[in-house]
Structure formats: C-alpha cells, structure tokens
Amino acid sequence: MKRKANAESTGTSQEKRHPGRPPMTAEERETAAKLRAAKKEKADNLRPELFLQYQGSEIAISDLVENAKNEFHSVKKRTLVTDMKLYIKPEEHMAYYVINDTYEGKIPL
C-alpha cells in the first residue's frame, strides 16, 4: 500500500525536474546560450580597475599608465609601446617607468 501512495503523490517525471517552469523553445535556448557566452567572454577578459590610495590621495593606475605613455610618445613619437614596467613610490610622490626595456622616465603622482 505504501508504494501505491508514494507513486500517486510524486506525479509525472517532468514535474520533478522543474516544477512551475515551462520548457524553453529553441530560440530561447539559443538566446540564453549567446548571453552565457558573452558573459563568459567578459569574465575571461576581465581587467580590474586599480587605484593607489596613499595619505588621503587617490589615483587610478590606468591614469599613470596613460601619462607614462604620453610622456614617452612626446619623446619617441613613432615608437610603439610593446612592454611597460611601472614602479610606484608614493612616499616620493613619483612613478618610475621602463618602456620597451630601454627607455626610462618618471612622472609625478
């Protein structure tokens, strides 16, 4: 008797899987797959925004990078920046950089 009561109360197998949720159409599945792929690509290409906070001041690291590139291009107009190392010394209020392993410079914070 118990088996019969349990079988009747569980219902169909489709209700077990997703109660209250209608099945997706082919178009909806395709759209959902595209959205997931776009989110995954965005997550894979994540570039965090970095900030330096020191003694009550704040500066975005991306601003320092752009300033270093601009200073470099004011001297070497046609040279592409293929490599950059940025050294930040907040106690001196300066950022030092090396571009393409040959050109050195500094910029104020």
N, C-alpha and C. Protein backbone atom coordinates (compact mmCIF):
# COMPACT_ATOMS: atom_id res chain seq x y z
N MET A 1 0.80 -1.19 0.00
CA MET A 1 0.00 0.00 0.00
C MET A 1 0.85 1.27 0.00
N LYS A 2 1.95 1.25 0.68
CA LYS A 2 2.79 2.44 0.73
C LYS A 2 3.31 2.79 -0.66
N ARG A 3 3.71 1.80 -1.42
CA ARG A 3 4.23 2.06 -2.76
C ARG A 3 3.21 2.76 -3.63
N LYS A 4 1.99 2.35 -3.57
CA LYS A 4 0.94 2.94 -4.37
C LYS A 4 0.72 4.40 -3.97
N ALA A 5 0.73 4.70 -2.71
CA ALA A 5 0.51 6.07 -2.23
C ALA A 5 1.67 6.97 -2.66
N ASN A 6 2.91 6.50 -2.58
CA ASN A 6 4.07 7.31 -2.97
C ASN A 6 4.07 7.59 -4.47
N ALA A 7 3.71 6.62 -5.29
CA ALA A 7 3.70 6.80 -6.73
C ALA A 7 2.65 7.83 -7.14
N GLU A 8 1.52 7.84 -6.47
CA GLU A 8 0.46 8.77 -6.80
C GLU A 8 0.82 10.20 -6.37
N SER A 9 1.52 10.36 -5.30
CA SER A 9 1.81 11.70 -4.78
C SER A 9 2.97 12.37 -5.52
N THR A 10 3.85 11.62 -6.16
CA THR A 10 5.01 12.23 -6.81
C THR A 10 4.65 12.87 -8.13
N GLY A 11 3.69 12.40 -8.87
CA GLY A 11 3.28 13.00 -10.13
C GLY A 11 4.18 12.54 -11.27
N THR A 12 4.21 13.32 -12.36
CA THR A 12 4.98 12.93 -13.53
C THR A 12 6.45 13.30 -13.35
N SER A 13 7.30 12.73 -14.21
CA SER A 13 8.73 12.97 -14.11
C SER A 13 9.09 14.40 -14.50
N GLN A 14 8.29 15.03 -15.40
CA GLN A 14 8.58 16.41 -15.80
C GLN A 14 8.37 17.37 -14.63
N GLU A 15 7.39 17.13 -13.81
CA GLU A 15 7.14 17.96 -12.65
C GLU A 15 8.28 17.85 -11.66
N LYS A 16 8.92 16.69 -11.56
CA LYS A 16 10.04 16.50 -10.65
C LYS A 16 11.22 17.39 -11.05
N ARG A 17 11.49 17.48 -12.33
CA ARG A 17 12.68 18.20 -12.79
C ARG A 17 12.60 19.70 -12.55
N HIS A 18 11.55 20.33 -13.07
CA HIS A 18 11.43 21.77 -12.97
C HIS A 18 9.99 22.16 -12.68
N PRO A 19 9.56 22.09 -11.45
CA PRO A 19 8.17 22.43 -11.16
C PRO A 19 7.93 23.92 -11.39
N GLY A 20 6.86 24.23 -12.13
CA GLY A 20 6.46 25.60 -12.36
C GLY A 20 7.24 26.33 -13.44
N ARG A 21 8.16 25.66 -14.10
CA ARG A 21 8.96 26.31 -15.13
C ARG A 21 8.65 25.66 -16.48
N PRO A 22 8.13 26.45 -17.43
CA PRO A 22 7.81 25.85 -18.73
C PRO A 22 9.11 25.57 -19.51
N PRO A 23 9.10 24.58 -20.38
CA PRO A 23 10.30 24.28 -21.17
C PRO A 23 10.61 25.43 -22.13
N MET A 24 11.91 25.61 -22.42
CA MET A 24 12.36 26.69 -23.31
C MET A 24 12.20 26.26 -24.77
N THR A 25 11.89 27.25 -25.60
CA THR A 25 11.84 26.98 -27.03
C THR A 25 13.26 26.98 -27.58
N ALA A 26 13.42 26.58 -28.82
CA ALA A 26 14.76 26.54 -29.43
C ALA A 26 15.35 27.95 -29.51
N GLU A 27 14.52 28.94 -29.84
CA GLU A 27 15.00 30.32 -29.92
C GLU A 27 15.46 30.82 -28.55
N GLU A 28 14.70 30.50 -27.51
CA GLU A 28 15.06 30.92 -26.16
C GLU A 28 16.36 30.26 -25.71
N ARG A 29 16.55 28.99 -26.04
CA ARG A 29 17.79 28.30 -25.69
C ARG A 29 18.99 28.93 -26.40
N GLU A 30 18.80 29.27 -27.67
CA GLU A 30 19.87 29.89 -28.45
C GLU A 30 20.23 31.27 -27.87
N THR A 31 19.23 32.05 -27.54
CA THR A 31 19.45 33.37 -26.95
C THR A 31 20.16 33.24 -25.60
N ALA A 32 19.72 32.31 -24.78
CA ALA A 32 20.34 32.10 -23.47
C ALA A 32 21.79 31.65 -23.62
N ALA A 33 22.07 30.80 -24.60
CA ALA A 33 23.44 30.34 -24.84
C ALA A 33 24.33 31.51 -25.28
N LYS A 34 23.80 32.41 -26.11
CA LYS A 34 24.57 33.58 -26.55
C LYS A 34 24.87 34.50 -25.37
N LEU A 35 23.89 34.70 -24.50
CA LEU A 35 24.10 35.55 -23.32
C LEU A 35 25.16 34.95 -22.40
N ARG A 36 25.10 33.62 -22.18
CA ARG A 36 26.11 32.96 -21.34
C ARG A 36 27.49 33.08 -21.96
N ALA A 37 27.58 32.93 -23.28
CA ALA A 37 28.88 33.03 -23.96
C ALA A 37 29.43 34.45 -23.84
N ALA A 38 28.57 35.45 -23.96
CA ALA A 38 29.02 36.84 -23.83
C ALA A 38 29.51 37.13 -22.41
N LYS A 39 28.79 36.62 -21.41
CA LYS A 39 29.22 36.81 -20.02
C LYS A 39 30.54 36.09 -19.74
N LYS A 40 30.70 34.90 -20.29
CA LYS A 40 31.94 34.14 -20.10
C LYS A 40 33.12 34.86 -20.74
N GLU A 41 32.91 35.41 -21.93
CA GLU A 41 33.98 36.14 -22.61
C GLU A 41 34.37 37.38 -21.81
N LYS A 42 33.37 38.09 -21.27
CA LYS A 42 33.65 39.26 -20.45
C LYS A 42 34.42 38.87 -19.20
N ALA A 43 34.05 37.77 -18.58
CA ALA A 43 34.75 37.31 -17.37
C ALA A 43 36.17 36.86 -17.70
N ASP A 44 36.36 36.21 -18.85
CA ASP A 44 37.70 35.76 -19.24
C ASP A 44 38.63 36.93 -19.54
N ASN A 45 38.07 38.04 -20.02
CA ASN A 45 38.87 39.21 -20.39
C ASN A 45 38.80 40.31 -19.34
N LEU A 46 38.54 39.94 -18.12
CA LEU A 46 38.41 40.91 -17.03
C LEU A 46 39.71 41.67 -16.82
N ARG A 47 39.60 42.98 -16.79
CA ARG A 47 40.74 43.85 -16.49
C ARG A 47 40.30 44.71 -15.31
N PRO A 48 40.73 44.37 -14.11
CA PRO A 48 40.28 45.13 -12.95
C PRO A 48 40.80 46.57 -12.96
N GLU A 49 40.03 47.44 -12.40
CA GLU A 49 40.44 48.84 -12.28
C GLU A 49 41.19 48.98 -10.96
N LEU A 50 42.44 49.42 -11.02
CA LEU A 50 43.29 49.51 -9.84
C LEU A 50 43.48 50.96 -9.43
N PHE A 51 43.49 51.20 -8.12
CA PHE A 51 43.69 52.53 -7.57
C PHE A 51 44.78 52.47 -6.51
N LEU A 52 45.53 53.55 -6.40
CA LEU A 52 46.52 53.69 -5.35
C LEU A 52 46.01 54.76 -4.40
N GLN A 53 45.87 54.38 -3.14
CA GLN A 53 45.46 55.33 -2.11
C GLN A 53 46.61 55.48 -1.13
N TYR A 54 46.99 56.73 -0.91
CA TYR A 54 48.12 56.99 -0.02
C TYR A 54 47.96 58.36 0.60
N GLN A 55 47.95 58.43 1.92
CA GLN A 55 47.86 59.66 2.69
C GLN A 55 46.76 60.59 2.19
N GLY A 56 45.58 60.05 2.03
CA GLY A 56 44.42 60.86 1.67
C GLY A 56 44.27 61.17 0.19
N SER A 57 45.17 60.74 -0.64
CA SER A 57 45.01 60.98 -2.08
C SER A 57 44.78 59.65 -2.78
N GLU A 58 44.18 59.74 -3.95
CA GLU A 58 43.87 58.54 -4.72
C GLU A 58 44.14 58.81 -6.19
N ILE A 59 44.74 57.83 -6.87
CA ILE A 59 45.00 57.95 -8.30
C ILE A 59 44.77 56.59 -8.94
N ALA A 60 44.19 56.61 -10.12
CA ALA A 60 43.95 55.37 -10.86
C ALA A 60 45.25 54.95 -11.55
N ILE A 61 45.56 53.68 -11.47
CA ILE A 61 46.77 53.16 -12.09
C ILE A 61 46.70 53.34 -13.61
N SER A 62 45.51 53.21 -14.18
CA SER A 62 45.36 53.39 -15.62
C SER A 62 45.73 54.82 -16.04
N ASP A 63 45.48 55.80 -15.17
CA ASP A 63 45.89 57.18 -15.47
C ASP A 63 47.41 57.30 -15.49
N LEU A 64 48.07 56.62 -14.55
CA LEU A 64 49.53 56.64 -14.53
C LEU A 64 50.11 56.00 -15.79
N VAL A 65 49.52 54.90 -16.23
CA VAL A 65 49.98 54.23 -17.43
C VAL A 65 49.83 55.15 -18.64
N GLU A 66 48.67 55.80 -18.76
CA GLU A 66 48.44 56.72 -19.88
C GLU A 66 49.40 57.90 -19.84
N ASN A 67 49.66 58.44 -18.65
CA ASN A 67 50.59 59.56 -18.52
C ASN A 67 52.00 59.14 -18.92
N ALA A 68 52.41 57.94 -18.53
CA ALA A 68 53.73 57.45 -18.91
C ALA A 68 53.82 57.26 -20.42
N LYS A 69 52.78 56.71 -21.03
CA LYS A 69 52.76 56.53 -22.49
C LYS A 69 52.83 57.88 -23.21
N ASN A 70 52.06 58.85 -22.71
CA ASN A 70 52.05 60.18 -23.33
C ASN A 70 53.42 60.84 -23.25
N GLU A 71 54.07 60.72 -22.09
CA GLU A 71 55.41 61.29 -21.94
C GLU A 71 56.40 60.59 -22.87
N PHE A 72 56.31 59.28 -22.98
CA PHE A 72 57.18 58.52 -23.87
C PHE A 72 56.96 58.96 -25.32
N HIS A 73 55.70 59.10 -25.73
CA HIS A 73 55.39 59.48 -27.11
C HIS A 73 55.75 60.93 -27.41
N SER A 74 55.91 61.76 -26.38
CA SER A 74 56.36 63.12 -26.63
C SER A 74 57.83 63.14 -27.03
N VAL A 75 58.58 62.11 -26.62
CA VAL A 75 60.00 62.00 -26.96
C VAL A 75 60.19 61.09 -28.19
N LYS A 76 59.56 59.94 -28.18
CA LYS A 76 59.68 58.95 -29.26
C LYS A 76 58.31 58.83 -29.93
N LYS A 77 58.04 59.67 -30.88
CA LYS A 77 56.71 59.78 -31.47
C LYS A 77 56.21 58.53 -32.19
N ARG A 78 57.06 57.85 -32.94
CA ARG A 78 56.60 56.74 -33.76
C ARG A 78 56.86 55.36 -33.17
N THR A 79 57.47 55.30 -32.01
CA THR A 79 57.79 54.01 -31.39
C THR A 79 56.57 53.45 -30.67
N LEU A 80 56.26 52.20 -30.94
CA LEU A 80 55.14 51.53 -30.27
C LEU A 80 55.56 51.07 -28.88
N VAL A 81 54.63 51.11 -27.96
CA VAL A 81 54.88 50.62 -26.61
C VAL A 81 54.50 49.14 -26.60
N THR A 82 55.49 48.29 -26.52
CA THR A 82 55.24 46.85 -26.51
C THR A 82 55.44 46.24 -25.12
N ASP A 83 56.12 46.96 -24.24
CA ASP A 83 56.38 46.46 -22.90
C ASP A 83 56.50 47.65 -21.95
N MET A 84 55.89 47.55 -20.79
CA MET A 84 55.99 48.64 -19.82
C MET A 84 56.04 48.07 -18.41
N LYS A 85 56.94 48.61 -17.63
CA LYS A 85 57.02 48.29 -16.20
C LYS A 85 56.84 49.61 -15.47
N LEU A 86 55.94 49.62 -14.49
CA LEU A 86 55.61 50.84 -13.76
C LEU A 86 55.92 50.60 -12.28
N TYR A 87 56.76 51.43 -11.71
CA TYR A 87 57.16 51.34 -10.30
C TYR A 87 56.62 52.57 -9.59
N ILE A 88 55.76 52.37 -8.62
CA ILE A 88 55.11 53.47 -7.92
C ILE A 88 55.74 53.63 -6.54
N LYS A 89 56.22 54.84 -6.25
CA LYS A 89 56.81 55.15 -4.95
C LYS A 89 56.00 56.29 -4.34
N PRO A 90 54.94 55.95 -3.60
CA PRO A 90 54.07 57.00 -3.07
C PRO A 90 54.78 57.92 -2.07
N GLU A 91 55.78 57.40 -1.35
CA GLU A 91 56.48 58.26 -0.39
C GLU A 91 57.26 59.37 -1.08
N GLU A 92 57.62 59.18 -2.34
CA GLU A 92 58.30 60.21 -3.14
C GLU A 92 57.31 60.96 -4.05
N HIS A 93 56.07 60.54 -4.05
CA HIS A 93 55.03 61.07 -4.94
C HIS A 93 55.46 61.00 -6.40
N MET A 94 56.09 59.88 -6.77
CA MET A 94 56.57 59.68 -8.14
C MET A 94 56.25 58.26 -8.60
N ALA A 95 56.13 58.12 -9.91
CA ALA A 95 56.02 56.80 -10.53
C ALA A 95 57.13 56.72 -11.57
N TYR A 96 57.90 55.66 -11.52
CA TYR A 96 59.00 55.45 -12.45
C TYR A 96 58.58 54.37 -13.44
N TYR A 97 59.01 54.50 -14.69
CA TYR A 97 58.61 53.52 -15.68
C TYR A 97 59.77 53.17 -16.59
N VAL A 98 59.68 51.97 -17.15
CA VAL A 98 60.62 51.50 -18.17
C VAL A 98 59.76 50.99 -19.32
N ILE A 99 59.99 51.56 -20.50
CA ILE A 99 59.20 51.17 -21.67
C ILE A 99 60.13 50.50 -22.67
N ASN A 100 59.67 49.36 -23.18
CA ASN A 100 60.40 48.56 -24.17
C ASN A 100 61.80 48.18 -23.70
N ASP A 101 61.99 48.04 -22.42
CA ASP A 101 63.25 47.63 -21.78
C ASP A 101 64.41 48.59 -22.05
N THR A 102 64.16 49.76 -22.62
CA THR A 102 65.26 50.68 -22.93
C THR A 102 65.02 52.10 -22.44
N TYR A 103 63.80 52.58 -22.51
CA TYR A 103 63.53 53.98 -22.17
C TYR A 103 63.03 54.08 -20.74
N GLU A 104 63.67 54.92 -19.94
CA GLU A 104 63.28 55.13 -18.54
C GLU A 104 62.78 56.54 -18.35
N GLY A 105 61.84 56.68 -17.44
CA GLY A 105 61.33 58.01 -17.14
C GLY A 105 60.60 58.01 -15.83
N LYS A 106 60.11 59.18 -15.45
CA LYS A 106 59.35 59.29 -14.21
C LYS A 106 58.26 60.33 -14.40
N ILE A 107 57.17 60.13 -13.66
CA ILE A 107 56.05 61.05 -13.70
C ILE A 107 55.57 61.29 -12.28
N PRO A 108 55.11 62.49 -11.99
CA PRO A 108 54.61 62.78 -10.64
C PRO A 108 53.23 62.16 -10.43
N LEU A 109 52.97 61.81 -9.19
CA LEU A 109 51.63 61.32 -8.86
C LEU A 109 50.75 62.54 -8.72
